N, C-alpha and C. Protein backbone atom coordinates (compact mmCIF):
# COMPACT_ATOMS: atom_id res chain seq x y z
N UNK A 1 -100.83 -153.71 -103.38
CA UNK A 1 -99.80 -154.62 -102.96
C UNK A 1 -100.11 -155.25 -101.76
N UNK A 2 -100.61 -154.57 -100.66
CA UNK A 2 -100.99 -155.12 -99.47
C UNK A 2 -101.96 -156.27 -99.54
N UNK A 3 -103.07 -156.05 -100.56
CA UNK A 3 -103.97 -157.15 -100.67
C UNK A 3 -103.45 -158.41 -101.32
N UNK A 4 -102.52 -158.13 -102.22
CA UNK A 4 -101.69 -159.18 -103.03
C UNK A 4 -101.00 -159.98 -102.00
N UNK A 5 -100.02 -159.40 -101.09
CA UNK A 5 -99.40 -160.14 -100.10
C UNK A 5 -100.39 -160.96 -99.21
N UNK A 6 -101.35 -160.24 -98.84
CA UNK A 6 -102.40 -160.85 -97.82
C UNK A 6 -102.98 -162.10 -98.57
N UNK A 7 -103.40 -162.08 -99.82
CA UNK A 7 -104.01 -163.21 -100.59
C UNK A 7 -102.92 -164.18 -100.74
N UNK A 8 -101.67 -164.02 -100.92
CA UNK A 8 -100.59 -165.02 -101.08
C UNK A 8 -100.52 -165.72 -99.76
N UNK A 9 -100.55 -165.04 -98.58
CA UNK A 9 -100.35 -165.60 -97.32
C UNK A 9 -101.61 -166.46 -97.02
N UNK A 10 -102.79 -166.08 -97.27
CA UNK A 10 -103.94 -166.90 -97.14
C UNK A 10 -103.89 -168.15 -98.00
N UNK A 11 -103.44 -168.02 -99.19
CA UNK A 11 -103.34 -169.08 -100.19
C UNK A 11 -102.29 -170.16 -99.66
N UNK A 12 -101.22 -169.71 -99.27
CA UNK A 12 -100.18 -170.50 -98.65
C UNK A 12 -100.65 -171.42 -97.39
N UNK A 13 -101.42 -170.63 -96.71
CA UNK A 13 -101.99 -171.23 -95.51
C UNK A 13 -102.98 -172.28 -95.70
N UNK A 14 -103.88 -172.11 -96.78
CA UNK A 14 -104.76 -172.99 -97.11
C UNK A 14 -104.23 -174.12 -97.72
N UNK A 15 -103.18 -174.09 -98.36
CA UNK A 15 -102.49 -175.21 -99.03
C UNK A 15 -102.09 -176.17 -97.83
N UNK A 16 -101.34 -175.49 -96.78
CA UNK A 16 -101.09 -176.23 -95.59
C UNK A 16 -102.14 -177.05 -95.02
N UNK A 17 -103.24 -176.22 -94.75
CA UNK A 17 -104.62 -176.94 -94.12
C UNK A 17 -105.11 -178.11 -95.03
N UNK A 18 -105.08 -177.78 -96.20
CA UNK A 18 -105.65 -178.78 -97.16
C UNK A 18 -104.76 -180.10 -97.20
N UNK A 19 -103.45 -179.81 -97.10
CA UNK A 19 -102.42 -181.03 -96.94
C UNK A 19 -102.79 -181.73 -95.54
N UNK A 20 -102.87 -181.06 -94.52
CA UNK A 20 -103.16 -181.59 -93.29
C UNK A 20 -104.42 -182.49 -93.36
N UNK A 21 -105.46 -181.91 -93.89
CA UNK A 21 -106.88 -182.63 -93.93
C UNK A 21 -106.61 -183.91 -94.90
N UNK A 22 -105.96 -183.66 -95.89
CA UNK A 22 -105.82 -184.78 -96.76
C UNK A 22 -105.05 -185.87 -96.07
N UNK A 23 -104.07 -185.57 -95.29
CA UNK A 23 -103.26 -186.47 -94.57
C UNK A 23 -104.19 -187.36 -93.53
N UNK A 24 -104.92 -186.55 -92.78
CA UNK A 24 -105.86 -187.14 -91.89
C UNK A 24 -106.87 -188.08 -92.72
N UNK A 25 -107.44 -187.60 -93.69
CA UNK A 25 -108.53 -188.34 -94.54
C UNK A 25 -107.78 -189.74 -94.95
N UNK A 26 -106.54 -189.37 -95.51
CA UNK A 26 -105.88 -190.73 -95.93
C UNK A 26 -105.51 -191.80 -94.95
N UNK A 27 -105.13 -191.34 -93.78
CA UNK A 27 -104.89 -192.06 -92.71
C UNK A 27 -106.10 -192.90 -92.19
N UNK A 28 -107.31 -192.08 -92.10
CA UNK A 28 -108.52 -192.82 -91.72
C UNK A 28 -108.96 -193.87 -92.81
N UNK A 29 -108.82 -193.60 -94.05
CA UNK A 29 -109.25 -194.55 -95.15
C UNK A 29 -108.40 -195.74 -95.05
N UNK A 30 -106.96 -195.55 -94.73
CA UNK A 30 -106.10 -196.65 -94.63
C UNK A 30 -106.56 -197.58 -93.52
N UNK A 31 -106.91 -196.91 -92.38
CA UNK A 31 -107.39 -197.75 -91.15
C UNK A 31 -108.68 -198.58 -91.45
N UNK A 32 -109.52 -197.84 -92.19
CA UNK A 32 -110.86 -198.50 -92.64
C UNK A 32 -110.65 -199.74 -93.43
N UNK A 33 -109.63 -199.61 -94.37
CA UNK A 33 -109.39 -200.66 -95.36
C UNK A 33 -109.03 -201.88 -94.72
N UNK A 34 -108.31 -201.71 -93.54
CA UNK A 34 -107.77 -202.87 -92.71
C UNK A 34 -108.79 -203.51 -91.94
N UNK A 35 -110.04 -203.11 -92.05
CA UNK A 35 -111.20 -203.65 -91.17
C UNK A 35 -111.72 -205.09 -91.45
N UNK A 36 -111.38 -205.55 -92.48
CA UNK A 36 -111.76 -207.00 -93.02
C UNK A 36 -111.16 -207.95 -92.10
N UNK A 37 -111.78 -209.03 -91.48
CA UNK A 37 -111.10 -210.01 -90.66
C UNK A 37 -111.73 -211.28 -91.01
N UNK A 38 -111.02 -212.31 -90.63
CA UNK A 38 -111.50 -213.76 -90.76
C UNK A 38 -112.61 -213.93 -89.53
N UNK A 39 -113.55 -215.00 -89.85
CA UNK A 39 -114.61 -215.22 -88.89
C UNK A 39 -114.05 -215.59 -87.49
N UNK A 40 -112.89 -216.40 -87.40
CA UNK A 40 -112.44 -216.80 -86.15
C UNK A 40 -111.81 -215.70 -85.45
N UNK A 41 -111.52 -214.55 -85.99
CA UNK A 41 -110.95 -213.39 -85.47
C UNK A 41 -111.93 -212.44 -84.88
N UNK A 42 -113.29 -212.73 -85.20
CA UNK A 42 -114.38 -211.81 -84.79
C UNK A 42 -114.33 -211.69 -83.36
N UNK A 43 -114.55 -212.70 -82.39
CA UNK A 43 -114.74 -212.51 -81.19
C UNK A 43 -113.58 -211.96 -80.38
N UNK A 44 -112.28 -212.35 -80.81
CA UNK A 44 -111.03 -211.73 -80.14
C UNK A 44 -110.95 -210.22 -80.51
N UNK A 45 -111.54 -209.85 -81.63
CA UNK A 45 -111.38 -208.35 -82.07
C UNK A 45 -112.47 -207.55 -81.50
N UNK A 46 -113.48 -208.00 -80.76
CA UNK A 46 -114.67 -207.19 -80.27
C UNK A 46 -114.13 -206.12 -79.43
N UNK A 47 -113.29 -206.36 -78.56
CA UNK A 47 -112.91 -205.30 -77.51
C UNK A 47 -111.97 -204.24 -78.40
N UNK A 48 -111.21 -204.79 -79.31
CA UNK A 48 -110.48 -203.77 -80.11
C UNK A 48 -111.35 -202.98 -80.92
N UNK A 49 -112.44 -203.54 -81.49
CA UNK A 49 -113.40 -202.86 -82.40
C UNK A 49 -113.99 -201.73 -81.47
N UNK A 50 -114.41 -201.93 -80.24
CA UNK A 50 -114.96 -200.95 -79.35
C UNK A 50 -114.09 -199.96 -79.26
N UNK A 51 -112.77 -200.26 -78.87
CA UNK A 51 -111.66 -199.13 -78.76
C UNK A 51 -111.52 -198.41 -80.10
N UNK A 52 -111.52 -199.16 -81.19
CA UNK A 52 -111.43 -198.31 -82.44
C UNK A 52 -112.56 -197.37 -82.65
N UNK A 53 -113.70 -197.64 -82.17
CA UNK A 53 -114.76 -196.68 -82.30
C UNK A 53 -114.36 -195.32 -81.58
N UNK A 54 -113.84 -195.57 -80.35
CA UNK A 54 -113.41 -194.43 -79.59
C UNK A 54 -112.45 -193.58 -80.34
N UNK A 55 -111.40 -194.24 -80.89
CA UNK A 55 -110.49 -193.47 -81.71
C UNK A 55 -111.03 -192.70 -82.83
N UNK A 56 -111.97 -193.34 -83.56
CA UNK A 56 -112.68 -192.85 -84.79
C UNK A 56 -113.37 -191.64 -84.36
N UNK A 57 -114.11 -191.66 -83.29
CA UNK A 57 -114.83 -190.58 -82.68
C UNK A 57 -113.98 -189.43 -82.35
N UNK A 58 -112.77 -189.81 -81.69
CA UNK A 58 -111.85 -188.92 -81.18
C UNK A 58 -111.37 -188.08 -82.41
N UNK A 59 -111.04 -188.80 -83.49
CA UNK A 59 -110.35 -188.01 -84.73
C UNK A 59 -111.42 -187.16 -85.30
N UNK A 60 -112.73 -187.70 -85.48
CA UNK A 60 -113.87 -186.93 -85.95
C UNK A 60 -114.07 -185.60 -85.07
N UNK A 61 -114.11 -185.90 -83.73
CA UNK A 61 -114.33 -184.56 -82.87
C UNK A 61 -113.09 -183.60 -83.12
N UNK A 62 -111.89 -183.99 -83.19
CA UNK A 62 -110.68 -183.28 -83.39
C UNK A 62 -110.80 -182.33 -84.70
N UNK A 63 -111.10 -183.01 -85.82
CA UNK A 63 -111.30 -182.55 -87.04
C UNK A 63 -112.43 -181.59 -87.17
N UNK A 64 -113.50 -181.86 -86.56
CA UNK A 64 -114.88 -180.96 -86.49
C UNK A 64 -114.39 -179.75 -85.78
N UNK A 65 -113.71 -179.82 -84.62
CA UNK A 65 -113.36 -178.63 -83.89
C UNK A 65 -112.47 -177.80 -84.61
N UNK A 66 -111.29 -178.52 -85.32
CA UNK A 66 -110.55 -177.55 -86.09
C UNK A 66 -111.10 -176.92 -87.12
N UNK A 67 -112.03 -177.59 -87.83
CA UNK A 67 -112.67 -176.90 -89.09
C UNK A 67 -113.47 -175.64 -88.61
N UNK A 68 -114.20 -175.81 -87.43
CA UNK A 68 -114.94 -174.77 -86.88
C UNK A 68 -114.08 -173.61 -86.61
N UNK A 69 -112.86 -173.99 -85.79
CA UNK A 69 -112.01 -172.84 -85.57
C UNK A 69 -111.49 -172.13 -86.82
N UNK A 70 -111.14 -173.02 -87.76
CA UNK A 70 -110.63 -172.34 -89.09
C UNK A 70 -111.59 -171.49 -89.72
N UNK A 71 -112.70 -171.94 -89.71
CA UNK A 71 -113.87 -171.07 -90.36
C UNK A 71 -113.90 -169.77 -89.76
N UNK A 72 -113.87 -169.73 -88.32
CA UNK A 72 -113.95 -168.44 -87.57
C UNK A 72 -112.82 -167.65 -87.78
N UNK A 73 -111.60 -168.27 -87.92
CA UNK A 73 -110.45 -167.47 -88.07
C UNK A 73 -110.20 -166.74 -89.69
N UNK A 74 -110.87 -167.66 -90.46
CA UNK A 74 -110.91 -167.18 -91.92
C UNK A 74 -111.84 -166.02 -92.19
N UNK A 75 -113.02 -166.14 -91.41
CA UNK A 75 -114.08 -165.11 -91.46
C UNK A 75 -113.49 -163.74 -90.83
N UNK A 76 -112.73 -163.95 -89.65
CA UNK A 76 -112.12 -162.81 -89.07
C UNK A 76 -111.11 -162.10 -89.97
N UNK A 77 -110.30 -162.91 -90.56
CA UNK A 77 -109.19 -162.30 -91.45
C UNK A 77 -109.75 -161.70 -92.77
N UNK A 78 -110.91 -162.21 -93.20
CA UNK A 78 -111.49 -161.79 -94.57
C UNK A 78 -112.53 -160.48 -94.28
N UNK A 79 -112.73 -160.28 -93.17
CA UNK A 79 -113.70 -159.15 -92.73
C UNK A 79 -113.16 -157.88 -93.41
N UNK A 80 -114.09 -157.05 -93.85
CA UNK A 80 -113.79 -155.71 -94.44
C UNK A 80 -113.08 -154.75 -93.53
N UNK A 81 -113.55 -154.81 -92.35
CA UNK A 81 -112.97 -153.91 -91.36
C UNK A 81 -112.02 -154.53 -90.43
N UNK A 82 -111.44 -155.61 -90.90
CA UNK A 82 -110.31 -156.28 -90.11
C UNK A 82 -108.97 -155.41 -90.15
N UNK A 83 -108.58 -155.29 -88.90
CA UNK A 83 -107.22 -154.38 -88.85
C UNK A 83 -106.13 -155.44 -89.27
N UNK A 84 -104.92 -154.90 -89.68
CA UNK A 84 -103.77 -155.68 -90.09
C UNK A 84 -103.46 -156.67 -88.86
N UNK A 85 -103.55 -156.23 -87.72
CA UNK A 85 -103.23 -156.95 -86.38
C UNK A 85 -103.98 -158.14 -86.33
N UNK A 86 -105.46 -158.01 -86.51
CA UNK A 86 -106.32 -159.17 -86.58
C UNK A 86 -106.04 -160.06 -87.54
N UNK A 87 -105.74 -159.58 -88.85
CA UNK A 87 -105.38 -160.43 -90.04
C UNK A 87 -104.18 -161.28 -89.70
N UNK A 88 -103.12 -160.54 -89.10
CA UNK A 88 -101.86 -161.19 -88.83
C UNK A 88 -102.17 -162.35 -87.77
N UNK A 89 -102.81 -162.02 -86.85
CA UNK A 89 -103.14 -162.97 -85.70
C UNK A 89 -103.92 -164.19 -86.12
N UNK A 90 -104.84 -163.86 -86.96
CA UNK A 90 -105.75 -165.06 -87.59
C UNK A 90 -104.65 -165.94 -88.49
N UNK A 91 -103.92 -165.36 -89.24
CA UNK A 91 -103.11 -166.03 -90.18
C UNK A 91 -102.06 -166.84 -89.31
N UNK A 92 -101.51 -166.33 -88.23
CA UNK A 92 -100.67 -166.99 -87.38
C UNK A 92 -101.45 -168.28 -86.79
N UNK A 93 -102.56 -168.06 -86.36
CA UNK A 93 -103.37 -169.10 -85.68
C UNK A 93 -103.76 -170.27 -86.75
N UNK A 94 -104.09 -169.94 -87.91
CA UNK A 94 -104.31 -170.87 -88.99
C UNK A 94 -103.08 -171.61 -89.38
N UNK A 95 -101.81 -170.90 -89.48
CA UNK A 95 -100.55 -171.53 -89.76
C UNK A 95 -100.35 -172.55 -88.59
N UNK A 96 -100.43 -172.15 -87.43
CA UNK A 96 -100.18 -173.07 -86.15
C UNK A 96 -100.98 -174.32 -86.22
N UNK A 97 -102.36 -174.16 -86.57
CA UNK A 97 -103.28 -175.25 -86.58
C UNK A 97 -102.82 -176.23 -87.78
N UNK A 98 -102.47 -175.57 -88.82
CA UNK A 98 -101.88 -176.50 -89.92
C UNK A 98 -100.68 -177.37 -89.62
N UNK A 99 -99.92 -176.65 -88.80
CA UNK A 99 -98.63 -177.41 -88.47
C UNK A 99 -99.07 -178.56 -87.38
N UNK A 100 -99.99 -178.15 -86.44
CA UNK A 100 -100.33 -179.09 -85.48
C UNK A 100 -101.08 -180.31 -86.14
N UNK A 101 -101.75 -180.09 -87.13
CA UNK A 101 -102.54 -181.24 -87.80
C UNK A 101 -101.46 -182.04 -88.46
N UNK A 102 -100.43 -181.58 -89.07
CA UNK A 102 -99.36 -182.41 -89.73
C UNK A 102 -98.66 -183.12 -88.70
N UNK A 103 -98.22 -182.44 -87.56
CA UNK A 103 -97.57 -182.97 -86.41
C UNK A 103 -98.36 -184.29 -85.74
N UNK A 104 -99.72 -184.01 -85.59
CA UNK A 104 -100.57 -185.17 -85.04
C UNK A 104 -100.50 -186.45 -86.03
N UNK A 105 -100.63 -186.09 -87.24
CA UNK A 105 -100.70 -187.26 -88.22
C UNK A 105 -99.47 -187.93 -88.20
N UNK A 106 -98.15 -187.17 -88.09
CA UNK A 106 -96.81 -187.78 -88.15
C UNK A 106 -96.66 -188.73 -86.89
N UNK A 107 -97.13 -188.09 -85.75
CA UNK A 107 -97.02 -188.86 -84.53
C UNK A 107 -97.70 -190.20 -84.50
N UNK A 108 -99.06 -190.00 -84.94
CA UNK A 108 -99.84 -191.15 -84.95
C UNK A 108 -99.30 -192.29 -85.87
N UNK A 109 -98.80 -191.89 -87.04
CA UNK A 109 -98.06 -192.84 -87.89
C UNK A 109 -97.05 -193.59 -87.13
N UNK A 110 -96.17 -192.69 -86.49
CA UNK A 110 -94.92 -193.19 -85.91
C UNK A 110 -95.38 -194.16 -84.74
N UNK A 111 -96.48 -193.82 -83.96
CA UNK A 111 -96.86 -194.81 -82.94
C UNK A 111 -97.45 -196.05 -83.56
N UNK A 112 -98.09 -195.94 -84.54
CA UNK A 112 -98.61 -197.23 -85.19
C UNK A 112 -97.47 -198.13 -85.73
N UNK A 113 -96.42 -197.33 -86.11
CA UNK A 113 -95.29 -198.18 -86.55
C UNK A 113 -94.51 -198.87 -85.46
N UNK A 114 -94.70 -198.22 -84.22
CA UNK A 114 -94.05 -198.78 -83.12
C UNK A 114 -94.93 -199.91 -82.31
N UNK A 115 -96.03 -200.40 -83.14
CA UNK A 115 -96.82 -201.46 -82.60
C UNK A 115 -97.96 -201.09 -81.73
N UNK A 116 -98.23 -199.68 -81.60
CA UNK A 116 -99.56 -199.47 -80.94
C UNK A 116 -100.68 -199.70 -81.79
N UNK A 117 -101.76 -200.44 -81.48
CA UNK A 117 -102.67 -200.76 -82.52
C UNK A 117 -103.61 -199.60 -82.89
N UNK A 118 -103.69 -198.61 -82.14
CA UNK A 118 -104.25 -197.29 -82.65
C UNK A 118 -103.86 -196.15 -81.74
N UNK A 119 -104.20 -194.98 -81.98
CA UNK A 119 -103.91 -193.91 -81.15
C UNK A 119 -104.59 -192.57 -81.73
N UNK A 120 -104.66 -191.62 -80.91
CA UNK A 120 -105.13 -190.27 -81.40
C UNK A 120 -104.37 -189.25 -80.77
N UNK A 121 -103.84 -188.25 -81.37
CA UNK A 121 -103.09 -187.22 -80.67
C UNK A 121 -103.75 -185.86 -80.97
N UNK A 122 -103.77 -185.12 -80.07
CA UNK A 122 -104.23 -183.74 -80.07
C UNK A 122 -103.28 -182.70 -79.62
N UNK A 123 -102.92 -181.82 -80.47
CA UNK A 123 -102.01 -180.71 -80.04
C UNK A 123 -102.50 -179.40 -80.10
N UNK A 124 -102.30 -178.62 -78.97
CA UNK A 124 -102.83 -177.19 -78.86
C UNK A 124 -101.69 -176.28 -78.23
N UNK A 125 -102.04 -175.17 -78.12
CA UNK A 125 -101.03 -174.18 -77.42
C UNK A 125 -100.62 -174.56 -75.98
N UNK A 126 -101.55 -175.38 -75.38
CA UNK A 126 -101.40 -175.69 -74.10
C UNK A 126 -100.60 -177.14 -73.85
N UNK A 127 -100.35 -177.82 -74.91
CA UNK A 127 -99.75 -179.10 -74.71
C UNK A 127 -100.12 -180.15 -75.77
N UNK A 128 -99.75 -181.27 -75.47
CA UNK A 128 -100.08 -182.58 -76.44
C UNK A 128 -100.76 -183.55 -75.51
N UNK A 129 -101.89 -183.98 -75.98
CA UNK A 129 -102.64 -185.24 -75.40
C UNK A 129 -102.49 -186.39 -76.49
N UNK A 130 -102.15 -187.55 -75.97
CA UNK A 130 -102.07 -188.75 -76.86
C UNK A 130 -102.82 -189.77 -76.05
N UNK A 131 -103.90 -190.34 -76.83
CA UNK A 131 -104.81 -191.33 -76.28
C UNK A 131 -104.40 -192.66 -76.89
N UNK A 132 -104.09 -193.65 -76.27
CA UNK A 132 -103.80 -194.97 -76.80
C UNK A 132 -104.48 -196.21 -76.16
N UNK A 133 -104.85 -197.22 -76.80
CA UNK A 133 -105.28 -198.39 -76.30
C UNK A 133 -104.36 -198.91 -75.16
N UNK A 134 -105.05 -199.37 -73.99
CA UNK A 134 -104.10 -200.09 -72.92
C UNK A 134 -104.71 -201.22 -72.46
N UNK A 135 -103.83 -202.25 -72.06
CA UNK A 135 -104.49 -203.45 -71.49
C UNK A 135 -105.07 -203.16 -70.14
N UNK A 136 -105.84 -204.06 -69.50
CA UNK A 136 -106.53 -203.82 -68.34
C UNK A 136 -105.61 -203.35 -67.22
N UNK A 137 -104.45 -204.02 -67.26
CA UNK A 137 -103.39 -203.54 -66.11
C UNK A 137 -102.68 -202.14 -66.41
N UNK A 138 -103.01 -201.68 -67.54
CA UNK A 138 -102.49 -200.32 -67.82
C UNK A 138 -101.22 -200.44 -68.72
N UNK A 139 -100.95 -199.16 -69.25
CA UNK A 139 -99.58 -199.07 -70.05
C UNK A 139 -98.46 -199.38 -69.05
N UNK A 140 -97.35 -199.94 -69.74
CA UNK A 140 -96.10 -200.09 -69.06
C UNK A 140 -95.29 -198.83 -69.12
N UNK A 141 -94.38 -198.62 -68.14
CA UNK A 141 -93.50 -197.21 -68.26
C UNK A 141 -92.78 -197.31 -69.60
N UNK A 142 -92.52 -198.35 -69.96
CA UNK A 142 -91.61 -198.42 -71.35
C UNK A 142 -92.58 -198.01 -72.46
N UNK A 143 -93.81 -198.22 -72.46
CA UNK A 143 -94.72 -197.84 -73.50
C UNK A 143 -94.92 -196.34 -73.38
N UNK A 144 -95.16 -195.79 -72.14
CA UNK A 144 -95.33 -194.46 -71.89
C UNK A 144 -94.17 -193.55 -72.31
N UNK A 145 -92.91 -194.19 -72.03
CA UNK A 145 -91.77 -193.55 -72.42
C UNK A 145 -91.51 -193.39 -73.87
N UNK A 146 -91.91 -194.46 -74.59
CA UNK A 146 -91.86 -194.53 -75.94
C UNK A 146 -92.72 -193.45 -76.64
N UNK A 147 -94.08 -193.32 -76.08
CA UNK A 147 -94.95 -192.36 -76.53
C UNK A 147 -94.40 -190.93 -76.28
N UNK A 148 -93.91 -190.76 -75.13
CA UNK A 148 -93.49 -189.35 -74.84
C UNK A 148 -92.21 -188.98 -75.66
N UNK A 149 -91.21 -189.90 -75.82
CA UNK A 149 -90.18 -189.67 -76.58
C UNK A 149 -90.52 -189.36 -78.10
N UNK A 150 -91.54 -190.03 -78.60
CA UNK A 150 -91.95 -189.73 -80.01
C UNK A 150 -92.60 -188.38 -80.10
N UNK A 151 -93.35 -188.03 -79.14
CA UNK A 151 -94.01 -186.71 -79.19
C UNK A 151 -92.86 -185.61 -79.07
N UNK A 152 -92.03 -185.74 -78.10
CA UNK A 152 -90.92 -184.76 -77.92
C UNK A 152 -90.15 -184.55 -79.20
N UNK A 153 -89.68 -185.80 -79.85
CA UNK A 153 -89.04 -185.79 -81.09
C UNK A 153 -89.66 -184.97 -82.21
N UNK A 154 -91.13 -185.07 -82.28
CA UNK A 154 -91.73 -184.53 -83.44
C UNK A 154 -92.10 -182.98 -83.19
N UNK A 155 -92.42 -182.74 -81.85
CA UNK A 155 -92.95 -181.33 -81.56
C UNK A 155 -91.93 -180.39 -80.71
N UNK A 156 -90.88 -181.09 -80.00
CA UNK A 156 -89.93 -180.26 -79.26
C UNK A 156 -90.46 -179.79 -78.02
N UNK A 157 -91.69 -180.09 -77.72
CA UNK A 157 -92.19 -179.82 -76.30
C UNK A 157 -91.51 -180.58 -75.18
N UNK A 158 -91.89 -180.26 -73.98
CA UNK A 158 -91.26 -180.82 -72.88
C UNK A 158 -92.22 -181.93 -72.41
N UNK A 159 -91.66 -182.74 -71.55
CA UNK A 159 -92.38 -183.98 -71.04
C UNK A 159 -93.65 -183.39 -70.12
N UNK A 160 -93.44 -182.34 -69.39
CA UNK A 160 -94.54 -181.74 -68.50
C UNK A 160 -95.67 -181.29 -69.36
N UNK A 161 -95.50 -181.20 -70.77
CA UNK A 161 -96.57 -180.59 -71.57
C UNK A 161 -97.21 -181.76 -72.25
N UNK A 162 -96.86 -182.99 -71.90
CA UNK A 162 -97.56 -184.10 -72.61
C UNK A 162 -98.51 -184.94 -71.47
N UNK A 163 -99.59 -185.24 -72.11
CA UNK A 163 -100.57 -186.02 -71.23
C UNK A 163 -100.86 -187.37 -72.08
N UNK A 164 -100.76 -188.45 -71.49
CA UNK A 164 -100.98 -189.78 -72.09
C UNK A 164 -102.23 -190.29 -71.33
N UNK A 165 -103.30 -190.61 -72.30
CA UNK A 165 -104.59 -191.15 -71.87
C UNK A 165 -104.56 -192.60 -72.22
N UNK A 166 -105.01 -193.34 -71.20
CA UNK A 166 -105.17 -194.77 -71.51
C UNK A 166 -106.61 -195.18 -71.74
N UNK A 167 -106.76 -195.87 -73.00
CA UNK A 167 -108.19 -196.21 -73.29
C UNK A 167 -108.19 -197.69 -73.20
N UNK A 168 -109.00 -198.23 -72.10
CA UNK A 168 -109.28 -199.66 -71.81
C UNK A 168 -110.48 -200.11 -72.41
N UNK A 169 -110.58 -201.36 -72.87
CA UNK A 169 -111.82 -201.80 -73.41
C UNK A 169 -112.91 -201.74 -72.34
N UNK A 170 -113.97 -201.16 -72.75
CA UNK A 170 -115.16 -201.18 -71.72
C UNK A 170 -114.88 -200.31 -70.53
N UNK A 171 -113.97 -199.45 -70.63
CA UNK A 171 -113.88 -198.44 -69.37
C UNK A 171 -113.60 -197.10 -69.93
N UNK A 172 -113.60 -196.08 -69.07
CA UNK A 172 -113.39 -194.77 -69.23
C UNK A 172 -111.82 -194.41 -69.52
N UNK A 173 -111.55 -193.62 -70.49
CA UNK A 173 -110.22 -193.15 -70.75
C UNK A 173 -109.76 -192.51 -69.57
N UNK A 174 -108.50 -192.84 -69.19
CA UNK A 174 -107.94 -192.23 -67.86
C UNK A 174 -106.46 -191.93 -68.17
N UNK A 175 -106.01 -190.86 -67.56
CA UNK A 175 -104.60 -190.39 -67.64
C UNK A 175 -103.58 -191.56 -67.09
N UNK A 176 -102.71 -191.89 -67.92
CA UNK A 176 -101.60 -192.87 -67.42
C UNK A 176 -100.82 -192.33 -66.18
N UNK A 177 -100.39 -193.25 -65.21
CA UNK A 177 -99.79 -192.81 -64.20
C UNK A 177 -98.34 -192.70 -64.50
N UNK A 178 -97.92 -191.56 -65.18
CA UNK A 178 -96.63 -191.51 -65.58
C UNK A 178 -96.03 -190.06 -65.29
N UNK A 179 -94.80 -189.89 -65.26
CA UNK A 179 -94.28 -188.49 -65.10
C UNK A 179 -94.86 -187.48 -66.02
N UNK A 180 -95.14 -187.87 -67.35
CA UNK A 180 -95.53 -186.97 -68.25
C UNK A 180 -97.09 -186.70 -67.90
N UNK A 181 -97.86 -187.52 -67.41
CA UNK A 181 -99.19 -187.16 -67.04
C UNK A 181 -99.29 -186.74 -65.80
N UNK A 182 -98.46 -187.26 -64.89
CA UNK A 182 -98.59 -186.87 -63.37
C UNK A 182 -98.20 -185.42 -63.12
N UNK A 183 -97.47 -184.93 -64.02
CA UNK A 183 -96.86 -183.58 -63.84
C UNK A 183 -98.07 -182.48 -63.72
N UNK A 184 -99.15 -182.89 -64.64
CA UNK A 184 -100.43 -182.25 -64.42
C UNK A 184 -100.35 -180.68 -64.88
N UNK A 185 -99.17 -180.22 -65.48
CA UNK A 185 -99.15 -178.89 -65.75
C UNK A 185 -99.64 -178.76 -67.16
N UNK A 186 -100.02 -179.66 -68.00
CA UNK A 186 -100.60 -179.64 -69.24
C UNK A 186 -102.10 -179.71 -69.15
N UNK A 187 -102.80 -178.71 -69.73
CA UNK A 187 -104.20 -178.77 -69.89
C UNK A 187 -104.45 -178.68 -71.30
N UNK A 188 -104.39 -179.94 -71.93
CA UNK A 188 -104.32 -180.05 -73.34
C UNK A 188 -105.14 -179.53 -74.19
N UNK A 189 -106.33 -179.17 -73.95
CA UNK A 189 -107.12 -178.44 -75.12
C UNK A 189 -108.34 -177.98 -74.61
N UNK A 190 -109.11 -177.09 -75.26
CA UNK A 190 -110.41 -176.66 -74.82
C UNK A 190 -111.30 -177.98 -74.86
N UNK A 191 -112.20 -178.05 -74.01
CA UNK A 191 -113.05 -179.32 -73.80
C UNK A 191 -113.57 -179.81 -75.14
N UNK A 192 -114.00 -178.76 -76.01
CA UNK A 192 -114.64 -179.07 -77.32
C UNK A 192 -113.64 -179.69 -78.31
N UNK A 193 -112.35 -179.32 -78.27
CA UNK A 193 -111.36 -179.88 -79.08
C UNK A 193 -110.69 -181.01 -78.58
N UNK A 194 -110.70 -181.21 -77.42
CA UNK A 194 -109.88 -182.48 -76.78
C UNK A 194 -110.50 -183.71 -77.17
N UNK A 195 -109.64 -184.87 -77.20
CA UNK A 195 -110.06 -186.11 -77.40
C UNK A 195 -111.33 -186.43 -76.51
N UNK A 196 -112.40 -186.94 -77.04
CA UNK A 196 -113.62 -187.18 -76.28
C UNK A 196 -113.56 -188.36 -75.25
N UNK A 197 -114.20 -188.26 -74.22
CA UNK A 197 -114.14 -189.38 -73.09
C UNK A 197 -114.99 -190.61 -73.72
N UNK A 198 -114.49 -191.65 -73.44
CA UNK A 198 -115.08 -192.89 -73.78
C UNK A 198 -116.42 -193.05 -73.16
N UNK A 199 -117.53 -193.33 -73.81
CA UNK A 199 -118.91 -193.49 -73.36
C UNK A 199 -119.37 -194.81 -73.54
């Protein structure tokens, strides 16, 4: 009976994880399909293309890190000598990651609907990091407020746990000078899982 319950929990969590992976995959394919542009738009889109590369790399890094973490957790939960406490902890962590993945996709879709040209969001137990393209002069206070409100609406976290990263064409990604970022209390993710720095 205990094994049946455990297998049911694992199956349910895997369904959530698969749904989150599918949503990310679907989102990335939709973005790639929009990549065809007219010749006259080529030069004006060069900076945006460089920025797009950053976001594609960030999403890939996020997915790779999540996949590695899920593999480790599944291995720990499936181990023959695993205690019930270990199994429960692994299942809780897997469920949390599935939830975070769905929230990240939802926030990204909402920000795209609010006229941000691209974005990548990373959620962890430490907070939320959102990287968005920014003009040379930086994001406006209204844009940062819009990002912050969207994240709070989807996650219920506080503004102090949100970090907004500006990605400017040809420059390093940097935290926006906003209350959400300036609070500095969020250390949004392990370095291997956080959105990568622009190189």
